[in-house]
Amino acid sequence: MRVIAELPHPDCKITIFSMNQKFIIKLEKGSFEQIYKLSELDIAEGVNGVFQILDAEFINTAVERFNKMRNDFNAAYKRYDS
């Protein structure tokens, strides 16, 4: 797996990898990750097409999902710790 791009964003780290004819999009915030895989054959513009998919709406939704993930994990941990 090799890194082909990193996109700067204030709310999460975004890295695009290439492996086995797939683009792997990895978003990270703290200890949480979201990973999306796309066939390179499905994206005619290559990595530039991936950049187009990662628009503001998608990233905002992903950041909201990170917040939900954190809340869900904290609730589970509190149930465990009680």
Protein backbone atom coordinates (compact mmCIF):
# COMPACT_ATOMS: atom_id res chain seq x y z
CA MET A 1 0.00 0.00 0.00
CA ARG A 2 1.45 3.36 -0.94
CA VAL A 3 0.36 6.88 -0.08
CA ILE A 4 -0.55 8.81 -3.21
CA ALA A 5 -2.04 11.94 -1.62
CA GLU A 6 -2.78 13.69 1.65
CA LEU A 7 -5.48 16.33 1.81
CA PRO A 8 -5.15 19.03 4.43
CA HIS A 9 -8.30 19.57 6.47
CA PRO A 10 -8.70 21.18 9.90
CA ASP A 11 -11.20 18.59 11.21
CA CYS A 12 -9.57 15.29 10.21
CA LYS A 13 -6.58 13.77 8.49
CA ILE A 14 -7.32 12.53 4.96
CA THR A 15 -4.95 10.11 3.23
CA ILE A 16 -5.42 8.42 -0.13
CA PHE A 17 -3.62 5.14 -0.76
CA SER A 18 -3.28 2.89 -3.78
CA MET A 19 -3.25 -0.88 -3.37
CA ASN A 20 -4.34 -3.80 -5.58
CA GLN A 21 -5.98 -1.53 -8.17
CA LYS A 22 -8.04 0.22 -5.49
CA PHE A 23 -8.03 3.71 -4.07
CA ILE A 24 -8.28 3.56 -0.30
CA ILE A 25 -9.51 6.75 1.34
CA LYS A 26 -8.69 6.94 5.03
CA LEU A 27 -10.07 9.65 7.29
CA GLU A 28 -8.72 9.89 10.84
CA LYS A 29 -9.76 11.93 13.83
CA GLY A 30 -8.17 11.07 17.15
CA SER A 31 -8.42 7.33 17.71
CA PHE A 32 -11.21 6.85 15.16
CA GLU A 33 -10.91 5.97 11.46
CA GLN A 34 -13.20 5.74 8.47
CA ILE A 35 -12.02 3.84 5.39
CA TYR A 36 -13.57 3.78 1.93
CA LYS A 37 -12.39 1.65 -0.98
CA LEU A 38 -12.95 2.35 -4.67
CA SER A 39 -11.83 0.42 -7.70
CA GLU A 40 -9.35 2.45 -9.73
CA LEU A 41 -11.27 1.31 -12.83
CA ASP A 42 -14.42 3.10 -11.57
CA ILE A 43 -12.67 6.49 -11.33
CA ALA A 44 -11.83 7.61 -14.86
CA GLU A 45 -9.92 10.72 -13.71
CA GLY A 46 -7.69 8.75 -11.34
CA VAL A 47 -6.80 10.41 -8.06
CA ASN A 48 -8.27 13.71 -9.33
CA GLY A 49 -11.64 11.93 -9.46
CA VAL A 50 -11.19 10.87 -5.85
CA PHE A 51 -10.57 14.52 -4.93
CA GLN A 52 -13.91 15.40 -6.56
CA ILE A 53 -15.72 12.78 -4.49
CA LEU A 54 -14.24 14.25 -1.30
CA ASP A 55 -16.31 17.41 -1.49
CA ALA A 56 -17.30 19.61 1.46
CA GLU A 57 -20.63 17.82 1.95
CA PHE A 58 -18.94 14.40 2.19
CA ILE A 59 -16.28 15.65 4.61
CA ASN A 60 -18.83 17.44 6.81
CA THR A 61 -20.89 14.25 7.02
CA ALA A 62 -17.77 12.22 7.86
CA VAL A 63 -16.86 14.67 10.65
CA GLU A 64 -20.39 14.35 12.05
CA ARG A 65 -19.97 10.57 11.90
CA PHE A 66 -16.73 10.87 13.89
CA ASN A 67 -18.64 12.78 16.57
CA LYS A 68 -21.33 10.06 16.63
CA MET A 69 -18.64 7.36 16.82
CA ARG A 70 -17.04 9.10 19.81
CA ASN A 71 -20.40 9.47 21.57
CA ASP A 72 -21.27 5.80 20.93
CA PHE A 73 -17.90 4.62 22.20
CA ASN A 74 -18.05 6.83 25.30
CA ALA A 75 -21.53 5.50 26.12
CA ALA A 76 -20.32 1.90 25.72
CA TYR A 77 -17.30 2.59 27.90
CA LYS A 78 -19.48 4.13 30.62
CA ARG A 79 -21.68 1.02 30.62
CA TYR A 80 -18.55 -1.11 30.97
CA ASP A 81 -17.07 1.07 33.71
CA SER A 82 -20.28 1.18 35.80
